[in-house]
Amino acid sequence: MEKLRRVLSGQEDEEQGLTTQILDSTSLSFGTRVKWFAICFAVGICFSILGSLLLWLPNGIELFAVFYTLGNIAALSSTFFLMGPLKQLKKMVDPNRLIATIVMLLCLILTLCAAFWWHKKGLALVFCILQFLATTWYSLSYIPFARDAVIKCCTSCVG
């Protein structure tokens, strides 16, 4: 609506960049962003739970790997609605969480490879566990000092 007002009043800037035009045409209200975040996150949780239930079926490891991975992808992409995709991608490659991002995405891919191409059920399960750990470590990077607290807790438990 604001864009329409600017055009009708003659205040439209014809030299807008492509990025600005895309952001203007795809901007969502805060309420819409929160709703879609909740929907995407809930779908991700449901997929993960469904995958866990399917694990106990005969040959259920493939279904588990798919649904668990789709659940993590949906939960991760839900944050695109809160921050916006560009800002989220920039934060994902921030030096503080770059390694965690690479490991997490690699585990997502390797889980599906182990289930479908290599047909190694045990390996798919190991990659799902690594996927969980990598996603947890990635998520902890958004909480100040959370990683340090986890490291100290693990160090005190082992030592």
N, C-alpha and C. Protein backbone atom coordinates (compact mmCIF):
# COMPACT_ATOMS: atom_id res chain seq x y z
N MET A 1 0.83 -1.19 0.00
CA MET A 1 0.00 0.00 0.00
C MET A 1 0.87 1.25 0.00
N GLU A 2 1.94 1.21 0.77
CA GLU A 2 2.85 2.35 0.83
C GLU A 2 3.49 2.61 -0.53
N LYS A 3 3.83 1.56 -1.21
CA LYS A 3 4.44 1.67 -2.55
C LYS A 3 3.45 2.32 -3.52
N LEU A 4 2.18 1.92 -3.42
CA LEU A 4 1.15 2.51 -4.28
C LEU A 4 1.02 4.00 -4.00
N ARG A 5 1.05 4.39 -2.71
CA ARG A 5 0.97 5.80 -2.35
C ARG A 5 2.13 6.59 -2.94
N ARG A 6 3.35 6.01 -2.87
CA ARG A 6 4.52 6.70 -3.41
C ARG A 6 4.40 6.89 -4.92
N VAL A 7 3.91 5.88 -5.61
CA VAL A 7 3.76 5.97 -7.07
C VAL A 7 2.72 7.02 -7.42
N LEU A 8 1.57 7.00 -6.75
CA LEU A 8 0.49 7.94 -7.06
C LEU A 8 0.86 9.38 -6.71
N SER A 9 1.70 9.57 -5.70
CA SER A 9 2.08 10.94 -5.33
C SER A 9 3.29 11.43 -6.10
N GLY A 10 3.88 10.56 -6.96
CA GLY A 10 5.01 10.96 -7.78
C GLY A 10 6.34 10.87 -7.05
N GLN A 11 6.37 10.23 -5.91
CA GLN A 11 7.60 10.12 -5.14
C GLN A 11 8.33 8.81 -5.41
N GLU A 12 7.93 8.08 -6.41
CA GLU A 12 8.54 6.79 -6.70
C GLU A 12 9.96 6.98 -7.20
N ASP A 13 10.88 6.27 -6.60
CA ASP A 13 12.28 6.32 -7.00
C ASP A 13 12.50 5.29 -8.11
N GLU A 14 12.76 5.79 -9.33
CA GLU A 14 12.90 4.89 -10.47
C GLU A 14 14.23 4.15 -10.46
N GLU A 15 15.18 4.57 -9.65
CA GLU A 15 16.51 3.98 -9.63
C GLU A 15 16.65 2.94 -8.51
N GLN A 16 15.58 2.28 -8.13
CA GLN A 16 15.66 1.25 -7.10
C GLN A 16 16.42 0.05 -7.65
N GLY A 17 17.21 -0.57 -6.77
CA GLY A 17 17.93 -1.76 -7.17
C GLY A 17 17.01 -2.96 -7.23
N LEU A 18 17.50 -4.02 -7.84
CA LEU A 18 16.72 -5.25 -7.98
C LEU A 18 16.39 -5.84 -6.61
N THR A 19 17.38 -5.82 -5.71
CA THR A 19 17.16 -6.37 -4.36
C THR A 19 16.06 -5.61 -3.63
N THR A 20 16.07 -4.29 -3.72
CA THR A 20 15.04 -3.49 -3.06
C THR A 20 13.67 -3.78 -3.64
N GLN A 21 13.59 -3.93 -4.96
CA GLN A 21 12.31 -4.23 -5.58
C GLN A 21 11.78 -5.59 -5.14
N ILE A 22 12.68 -6.58 -5.05
CA ILE A 22 12.25 -7.91 -4.61
C ILE A 22 11.78 -7.87 -3.17
N LEU A 23 12.55 -7.19 -2.30
CA LEU A 23 12.18 -7.12 -0.89
C LEU A 23 10.85 -6.38 -0.70
N ASP A 24 10.63 -5.32 -1.48
CA ASP A 24 9.37 -4.58 -1.38
C ASP A 24 8.19 -5.45 -1.81
N SER A 25 8.38 -6.25 -2.84
CA SER A 25 7.27 -7.03 -3.36
C SER A 25 7.00 -8.29 -2.53
N THR A 26 7.95 -8.72 -1.70
CA THR A 26 7.77 -9.95 -0.94
C THR A 26 7.73 -9.73 0.56
N SER A 27 7.66 -8.50 1.00
CA SER A 27 7.67 -8.25 2.44
C SER A 27 6.35 -8.71 3.06
N LEU A 28 6.47 -9.34 4.21
CA LEU A 28 5.31 -9.84 4.94
C LEU A 28 5.17 -9.06 6.23
N SER A 29 3.96 -8.98 6.73
CA SER A 29 3.76 -8.33 8.02
C SER A 29 4.34 -9.22 9.11
N PHE A 30 4.57 -8.63 10.28
CA PHE A 30 5.16 -9.39 11.38
C PHE A 30 4.25 -10.54 11.79
N GLY A 31 2.95 -10.30 11.83
CA GLY A 31 2.00 -11.35 12.19
C GLY A 31 2.03 -12.52 11.22
N THR A 32 2.12 -12.21 9.93
CA THR A 32 2.20 -13.25 8.91
C THR A 32 3.50 -14.04 9.05
N ARG A 33 4.58 -13.32 9.33
CA ARG A 33 5.87 -14.00 9.52
C ARG A 33 5.82 -14.97 10.69
N VAL A 34 5.23 -14.54 11.79
CA VAL A 34 5.15 -15.40 12.99
C VAL A 34 4.26 -16.60 12.71
N LYS A 35 3.14 -16.39 12.02
CA LYS A 35 2.25 -17.51 11.69
C LYS A 35 2.95 -18.55 10.84
N TRP A 36 3.64 -18.11 9.79
CA TRP A 36 4.32 -19.06 8.91
C TRP A 36 5.51 -19.72 9.59
N PHE A 37 6.17 -18.98 10.48
CA PHE A 37 7.23 -19.60 11.28
C PHE A 37 6.66 -20.74 12.11
N ALA A 38 5.55 -20.47 12.80
CA ALA A 38 4.93 -21.49 13.65
C ALA A 38 4.46 -22.69 12.82
N ILE A 39 3.87 -22.43 11.67
CA ILE A 39 3.39 -23.52 10.80
C ILE A 39 4.56 -24.37 10.33
N CYS A 40 5.60 -23.73 9.82
CA CYS A 40 6.77 -24.46 9.31
C CYS A 40 7.45 -25.25 10.43
N PHE A 41 7.58 -24.63 11.59
CA PHE A 41 8.24 -25.29 12.71
C PHE A 41 7.40 -26.48 13.18
N ALA A 42 6.09 -26.30 13.24
CA ALA A 42 5.21 -27.41 13.66
C ALA A 42 5.25 -28.56 12.66
N VAL A 43 5.28 -28.24 11.37
CA VAL A 43 5.40 -29.28 10.35
C VAL A 43 6.72 -30.03 10.52
N GLY A 44 7.79 -29.29 10.82
CA GLY A 44 9.09 -29.92 11.05
C GLY A 44 9.07 -30.87 12.23
N ILE A 45 8.44 -30.45 13.31
CA ILE A 45 8.34 -31.31 14.49
C ILE A 45 7.49 -32.55 14.18
N CYS A 46 6.38 -32.34 13.49
CA CYS A 46 5.51 -33.48 13.13
C CYS A 46 6.24 -34.48 12.24
N PHE A 47 7.00 -33.97 11.26
CA PHE A 47 7.77 -34.86 10.39
C PHE A 47 8.81 -35.65 11.19
N SER A 48 9.48 -34.98 12.12
CA SER A 48 10.49 -35.66 12.93
C SER A 48 9.87 -36.73 13.81
N ILE A 49 8.73 -36.42 14.41
CA ILE A 49 8.04 -37.41 15.25
C ILE A 49 7.53 -38.56 14.40
N LEU A 50 6.95 -38.26 13.24
CA LEU A 50 6.48 -39.29 12.33
C LEU A 50 7.63 -40.20 11.90
N GLY A 51 8.76 -39.60 11.58
CA GLY A 51 9.93 -40.38 11.21
C GLY A 51 10.38 -41.29 12.33
N SER A 52 10.33 -40.79 13.56
CA SER A 52 10.72 -41.62 14.72
C SER A 52 9.76 -42.79 14.91
N LEU A 53 8.48 -42.57 14.65
CA LEU A 53 7.51 -43.66 14.77
C LEU A 53 7.69 -44.69 13.66
N LEU A 54 8.05 -44.22 12.47
CA LEU A 54 8.23 -45.12 11.34
C LEU A 54 9.52 -45.95 11.45
N LEU A 55 10.40 -45.54 12.33
CA LEU A 55 11.66 -46.26 12.50
C LEU A 55 11.44 -47.71 12.90
N TRP A 56 10.36 -47.98 13.61
CA TRP A 56 10.13 -49.31 14.16
C TRP A 56 9.41 -50.24 13.18
N LEU A 57 9.05 -49.74 12.01
CA LEU A 57 8.45 -50.59 10.98
C LEU A 57 9.53 -51.38 10.25
N PRO A 58 9.15 -52.51 9.63
CA PRO A 58 10.14 -53.20 8.80
C PRO A 58 10.60 -52.28 7.67
N ASN A 59 11.88 -52.20 7.45
CA ASN A 59 12.47 -51.29 6.46
C ASN A 59 12.08 -49.83 6.71
N GLY A 60 11.86 -49.51 7.95
CA GLY A 60 11.44 -48.15 8.29
C GLY A 60 12.58 -47.16 8.38
N ILE A 61 13.81 -47.64 8.29
CA ILE A 61 14.95 -46.73 8.42
C ILE A 61 14.98 -45.70 7.30
N GLU A 62 14.57 -46.10 6.08
CA GLU A 62 14.55 -45.15 4.98
C GLU A 62 13.51 -44.06 5.22
N LEU A 63 12.32 -44.49 5.68
CA LEU A 63 11.27 -43.51 5.98
C LEU A 63 11.69 -42.61 7.13
N PHE A 64 12.34 -43.22 8.13
CA PHE A 64 12.83 -42.42 9.25
C PHE A 64 13.82 -41.37 8.77
N ALA A 65 14.76 -41.77 7.95
CA ALA A 65 15.78 -40.84 7.46
C ALA A 65 15.14 -39.70 6.67
N VAL A 66 14.18 -40.03 5.82
CA VAL A 66 13.53 -39.01 5.00
C VAL A 66 12.73 -38.04 5.86
N PHE A 67 11.86 -38.58 6.71
CA PHE A 67 11.00 -37.70 7.51
C PHE A 67 11.77 -36.91 8.55
N TYR A 68 12.78 -37.52 9.13
CA TYR A 68 13.59 -36.80 10.12
C TYR A 68 14.36 -35.67 9.44
N THR A 69 14.92 -35.94 8.27
CA THR A 69 15.64 -34.91 7.53
C THR A 69 14.71 -33.81 7.04
N LEU A 70 13.54 -34.20 6.52
CA LEU A 70 12.56 -33.18 6.11
C LEU A 70 12.10 -32.34 7.29
N GLY A 71 11.96 -32.97 8.44
CA GLY A 71 11.59 -32.23 9.65
C GLY A 71 12.63 -31.20 10.02
N ASN A 72 13.90 -31.58 9.95
CA ASN A 72 14.96 -30.63 10.26
C ASN A 72 15.04 -29.51 9.22
N ILE A 73 14.83 -29.84 7.97
CA ILE A 73 14.83 -28.82 6.92
C ILE A 73 13.67 -27.84 7.12
N ALA A 74 12.49 -28.36 7.44
CA ALA A 74 11.33 -27.49 7.67
C ALA A 74 11.54 -26.60 8.89
N ALA A 75 12.09 -27.17 9.96
CA ALA A 75 12.34 -26.37 11.16
C ALA A 75 13.40 -25.31 10.89
N LEU A 76 14.42 -25.65 10.15
CA LEU A 76 15.46 -24.68 9.81
C LEU A 76 14.91 -23.58 8.90
N SER A 77 14.12 -23.97 7.92
CA SER A 77 13.58 -22.97 7.00
C SER A 77 12.49 -22.12 7.65
N SER A 78 11.96 -22.55 8.76
CA SER A 78 10.96 -21.72 9.45
C SER A 78 11.57 -20.40 9.90
N THR A 79 12.87 -20.40 10.20
CA THR A 79 13.51 -19.15 10.62
C THR A 79 13.63 -18.15 9.48
N PHE A 80 13.51 -18.62 8.23
CA PHE A 80 13.51 -17.69 7.10
C PHE A 80 12.35 -16.71 7.21
N PHE A 81 11.24 -17.16 7.78
CA PHE A 81 10.08 -16.28 7.91
C PHE A 81 10.31 -15.21 8.97
N LEU A 82 11.03 -15.54 10.03
CA LEU A 82 11.27 -14.55 11.08
C LEU A 82 12.29 -13.50 10.66
N MET A 83 13.40 -13.94 10.12
CA MET A 83 14.50 -13.03 9.79
C MET A 83 14.50 -12.59 8.34
N GLY A 84 13.93 -13.40 7.50
CA GLY A 84 14.05 -13.19 6.06
C GLY A 84 15.15 -14.10 5.56
N PRO A 85 15.00 -14.63 4.35
CA PRO A 85 15.95 -15.62 3.86
C PRO A 85 17.38 -15.09 3.71
N LEU A 86 17.52 -13.87 3.22
CA LEU A 86 18.86 -13.33 3.01
C LEU A 86 19.60 -13.13 4.32
N LYS A 87 18.92 -12.56 5.30
CA LYS A 87 19.55 -12.32 6.59
C LYS A 87 19.89 -13.64 7.28
N GLN A 88 19.01 -14.63 7.17
CA GLN A 88 19.26 -15.94 7.77
C GLN A 88 20.47 -16.61 7.12
N LEU A 89 20.55 -16.55 5.79
CA LEU A 89 21.69 -17.14 5.09
C LEU A 89 22.99 -16.45 5.46
N LYS A 90 22.95 -15.12 5.64
CA LYS A 90 24.15 -14.40 6.07
C LYS A 90 24.57 -14.84 7.46
N LYS A 91 23.59 -15.05 8.34
CA LYS A 91 23.92 -15.50 9.70
C LYS A 91 24.45 -16.93 9.70
N MET A 92 23.97 -17.75 8.76
CA MET A 92 24.42 -19.14 8.70
C MET A 92 25.89 -19.23 8.31
N VAL A 93 26.37 -18.31 7.49
CA VAL A 93 27.77 -18.35 7.07
C VAL A 93 28.65 -17.41 7.88
N ASP A 94 28.11 -16.88 8.96
CA ASP A 94 28.90 -16.08 9.89
C ASP A 94 30.04 -16.95 10.42
N PRO A 95 31.25 -16.41 10.56
CA PRO A 95 32.38 -17.24 11.02
C PRO A 95 32.12 -17.97 12.33
N ASN A 96 31.27 -17.43 13.18
CA ASN A 96 30.96 -18.07 14.46
C ASN A 96 30.20 -19.39 14.29
N ARG A 97 29.42 -19.50 13.21
CA ARG A 97 28.62 -20.72 13.03
C ARG A 97 28.80 -21.38 11.67
N LEU A 98 29.82 -21.00 10.94
CA LEU A 98 30.05 -21.56 9.61
C LEU A 98 30.33 -23.06 9.66
N ILE A 99 31.18 -23.50 10.56
CA ILE A 99 31.50 -24.92 10.66
C ILE A 99 30.26 -25.71 11.05
N ALA A 100 29.50 -25.20 12.01
CA ALA A 100 28.27 -25.88 12.43
C ALA A 100 27.28 -25.98 11.27
N THR A 101 27.18 -24.93 10.46
CA THR A 101 26.29 -24.93 9.31
C THR A 101 26.72 -25.98 8.29
N ILE A 102 28.01 -26.03 8.00
CA ILE A 102 28.52 -26.99 7.01
C ILE A 102 28.28 -28.42 7.49
N VAL A 103 28.60 -28.68 8.76
CA VAL A 103 28.42 -30.04 9.30
C VAL A 103 26.94 -30.42 9.29
N MET A 104 26.07 -29.48 9.67
CA MET A 104 24.64 -29.76 9.70
C MET A 104 24.11 -30.08 8.30
N LEU A 105 24.45 -29.25 7.31
CA LEU A 105 23.97 -29.48 5.95
C LEU A 105 24.57 -30.76 5.37
N LEU A 106 25.84 -31.03 5.67
CA LEU A 106 26.48 -32.25 5.22
C LEU A 106 25.79 -33.48 5.81
N CYS A 107 25.42 -33.41 7.09
CA CYS A 107 24.71 -34.53 7.72
C CYS A 107 23.33 -34.74 7.11
N LEU A 108 22.65 -33.66 6.76
CA LEU A 108 21.36 -33.78 6.10
C LEU A 108 21.50 -34.55 4.78
N ILE A 109 22.50 -34.19 4.01
CA ILE A 109 22.72 -34.84 2.71
C ILE A 109 23.18 -36.28 2.89
N LEU A 110 24.12 -36.50 3.79
CA LEU A 110 24.66 -37.84 3.99
C LEU A 110 23.62 -38.82 4.55
N THR A 111 22.68 -38.32 5.33
CA THR A 111 21.61 -39.18 5.85
C THR A 111 20.80 -39.75 4.69
N LEU A 112 20.43 -38.88 3.76
CA LEU A 112 19.65 -39.34 2.61
C LEU A 112 20.48 -40.24 1.69
N CYS A 113 21.75 -39.92 1.52
CA CYS A 113 22.63 -40.78 0.70
C CYS A 113 22.74 -42.17 1.31
N ALA A 114 22.93 -42.25 2.62
CA ALA A 114 23.08 -43.54 3.28
C ALA A 114 21.80 -44.36 3.18
N ALA A 115 20.67 -43.71 3.23
CA ALA A 115 19.39 -44.44 3.19
C ALA A 115 19.04 -44.90 1.77
N PHE A 116 19.29 -44.07 0.75
CA PHE A 116 18.79 -44.37 -0.58
C PHE A 116 19.85 -44.89 -1.56
N TRP A 117 21.02 -44.29 -1.56
CA TRP A 117 22.00 -44.70 -2.55
C TRP A 117 22.91 -45.82 -2.05
N TRP A 118 23.34 -45.70 -0.79
CA TRP A 118 24.26 -46.70 -0.26
C TRP A 118 23.52 -47.86 0.39
N HIS A 119 22.25 -47.68 0.75
CA HIS A 119 21.41 -48.69 1.40
C HIS A 119 22.07 -49.24 2.67
N LYS A 120 22.64 -48.34 3.47
CA LYS A 120 23.27 -48.71 4.74
C LYS A 120 22.42 -48.14 5.87
N LYS A 121 21.59 -48.99 6.45
CA LYS A 121 20.64 -48.55 7.48
C LYS A 121 21.37 -48.04 8.72
N GLY A 122 22.40 -48.77 9.14
CA GLY A 122 23.15 -48.35 10.32
C GLY A 122 23.82 -47.01 10.13
N LEU A 123 24.36 -46.80 8.95
CA LEU A 123 25.01 -45.53 8.64
C LEU A 123 23.99 -44.39 8.60
N ALA A 124 22.81 -44.66 8.07
CA ALA A 124 21.75 -43.64 8.04
C ALA A 124 21.37 -43.24 9.46
N LEU A 125 21.30 -44.22 10.35
CA LEU A 125 20.98 -43.93 11.75
C LEU A 125 22.09 -43.10 12.40
N VAL A 126 23.33 -43.44 12.12
CA VAL A 126 24.47 -42.67 12.66
C VAL A 126 24.41 -41.24 12.15
N PHE A 127 24.11 -41.05 10.87
CA PHE A 127 24.02 -39.70 10.31
C PHE A 127 22.84 -38.93 10.89
N CYS A 128 21.75 -39.62 11.23
CA CYS A 128 20.62 -38.96 11.89
C CYS A 128 21.03 -38.45 13.27
N ILE A 129 21.79 -39.26 13.98
CA ILE A 129 22.28 -38.83 15.30
C ILE A 129 23.23 -37.65 15.15
N LEU A 130 24.13 -37.74 14.18
CA LEU A 130 25.04 -36.61 13.92
C LEU A 130 24.27 -35.37 13.47
N GLN A 131 23.20 -35.59 12.71
CA GLN A 131 22.33 -34.50 12.27
C GLN A 131 21.72 -33.79 13.47
N PHE A 132 21.24 -34.58 14.43
CA PHE A 132 20.66 -34.02 15.65
C PHE A 132 21.71 -33.21 16.42
N LEU A 133 22.90 -33.78 16.60
CA LEU A 133 23.95 -33.09 17.33
C LEU A 133 24.40 -31.82 16.62
N ALA A 134 24.54 -31.89 15.30
CA ALA A 134 24.96 -30.72 14.53
C ALA A 134 23.90 -29.62 14.57
N THR A 135 22.64 -30.01 14.47
CA THR A 135 21.56 -29.02 14.52
C THR A 135 21.48 -28.38 15.91
N THR A 136 21.69 -29.18 16.94
CA THR A 136 21.71 -28.64 18.30
C THR A 136 22.86 -27.66 18.48
N TRP A 137 24.05 -28.04 18.02
CA TRP A 137 25.22 -27.17 18.14
C TRP A 137 25.01 -25.88 17.34
N TYR A 138 24.41 -25.99 16.16
CA TYR A 138 24.10 -24.81 15.35
C TYR A 138 23.10 -23.91 16.09
N SER A 139 22.07 -24.50 16.66
CA SER A 139 21.06 -23.72 17.37
C SER A 139 21.64 -23.03 18.59
N LEU A 140 22.56 -23.70 19.27
CA LEU A 140 23.19 -23.10 20.46
C LEU A 140 24.01 -21.87 20.11
N SER A 141 24.43 -21.74 18.85
CA SER A 141 25.23 -20.58 18.45
C SER A 141 24.43 -19.28 18.51
N TYR A 142 23.12 -19.38 18.56
CA TYR A 142 22.28 -18.18 18.64
C TYR A 142 22.03 -17.74 20.07
N ILE A 143 22.39 -18.55 21.04
CA ILE A 143 22.21 -18.21 22.46
C ILE A 143 23.56 -17.81 23.02
N PRO A 144 23.67 -16.59 23.53
CA PRO A 144 24.97 -16.13 24.04
C PRO A 144 25.52 -17.07 25.13
N PHE A 145 26.76 -17.45 24.99
CA PHE A 145 27.52 -18.28 25.94
C PHE A 145 26.97 -19.69 26.11
N ALA A 146 26.02 -20.11 25.29
CA ALA A 146 25.43 -21.45 25.43
C ALA A 146 26.45 -22.53 25.06
N ARG A 147 27.19 -22.31 24.00
CA ARG A 147 28.20 -23.29 23.61
C ARG A 147 29.27 -23.45 24.69
N ASP A 148 29.69 -22.32 25.27
CA ASP A 148 30.69 -22.39 26.33
C ASP A 148 30.16 -23.17 27.53
N ALA A 149 28.89 -22.95 27.86
CA ALA A 149 28.29 -23.67 28.99
C ALA A 149 28.22 -25.17 28.72
N VAL A 150 27.88 -25.56 27.49
CA VAL A 150 27.81 -26.98 27.14
C VAL A 150 29.20 -27.61 27.18
N ILE A 151 30.18 -26.90 26.68
CA ILE A 151 31.56 -27.41 26.70
C ILE A 151 32.03 -27.59 28.13
N LYS A 152 31.77 -26.61 29.01
CA LYS A 152 32.17 -26.73 30.41
C LYS A 152 31.45 -27.87 31.10
N CYS A 153 30.17 -28.05 30.79
CA CYS A 153 29.39 -29.13 31.40
C CYS A 153 29.95 -30.50 30.97
N CYS A 154 30.22 -30.65 29.68
CA CYS A 154 30.76 -31.91 29.17
C CYS A 154 32.15 -32.18 29.73
N THR A 155 32.96 -31.13 29.83
CA THR A 155 34.31 -31.27 30.37
C THR A 155 34.27 -31.71 31.83
N SER A 156 33.36 -31.13 32.58
CA SER A 156 33.27 -31.51 34.00
C SER A 156 32.71 -32.92 34.17
N CYS A 157 31.83 -33.35 33.27
CA CYS A 157 31.29 -34.70 33.34
C CYS A 157 32.36 -35.75 32.98
N VAL A 158 33.18 -35.44 31.99
CA VAL A 158 34.21 -36.38 31.54
C VAL A 158 35.39 -36.37 32.52
N GLY A 159 35.77 -35.17 32.97
CA GLY A 159 36.96 -35.05 33.84
C GLY A 159 36.65 -35.25 35.25
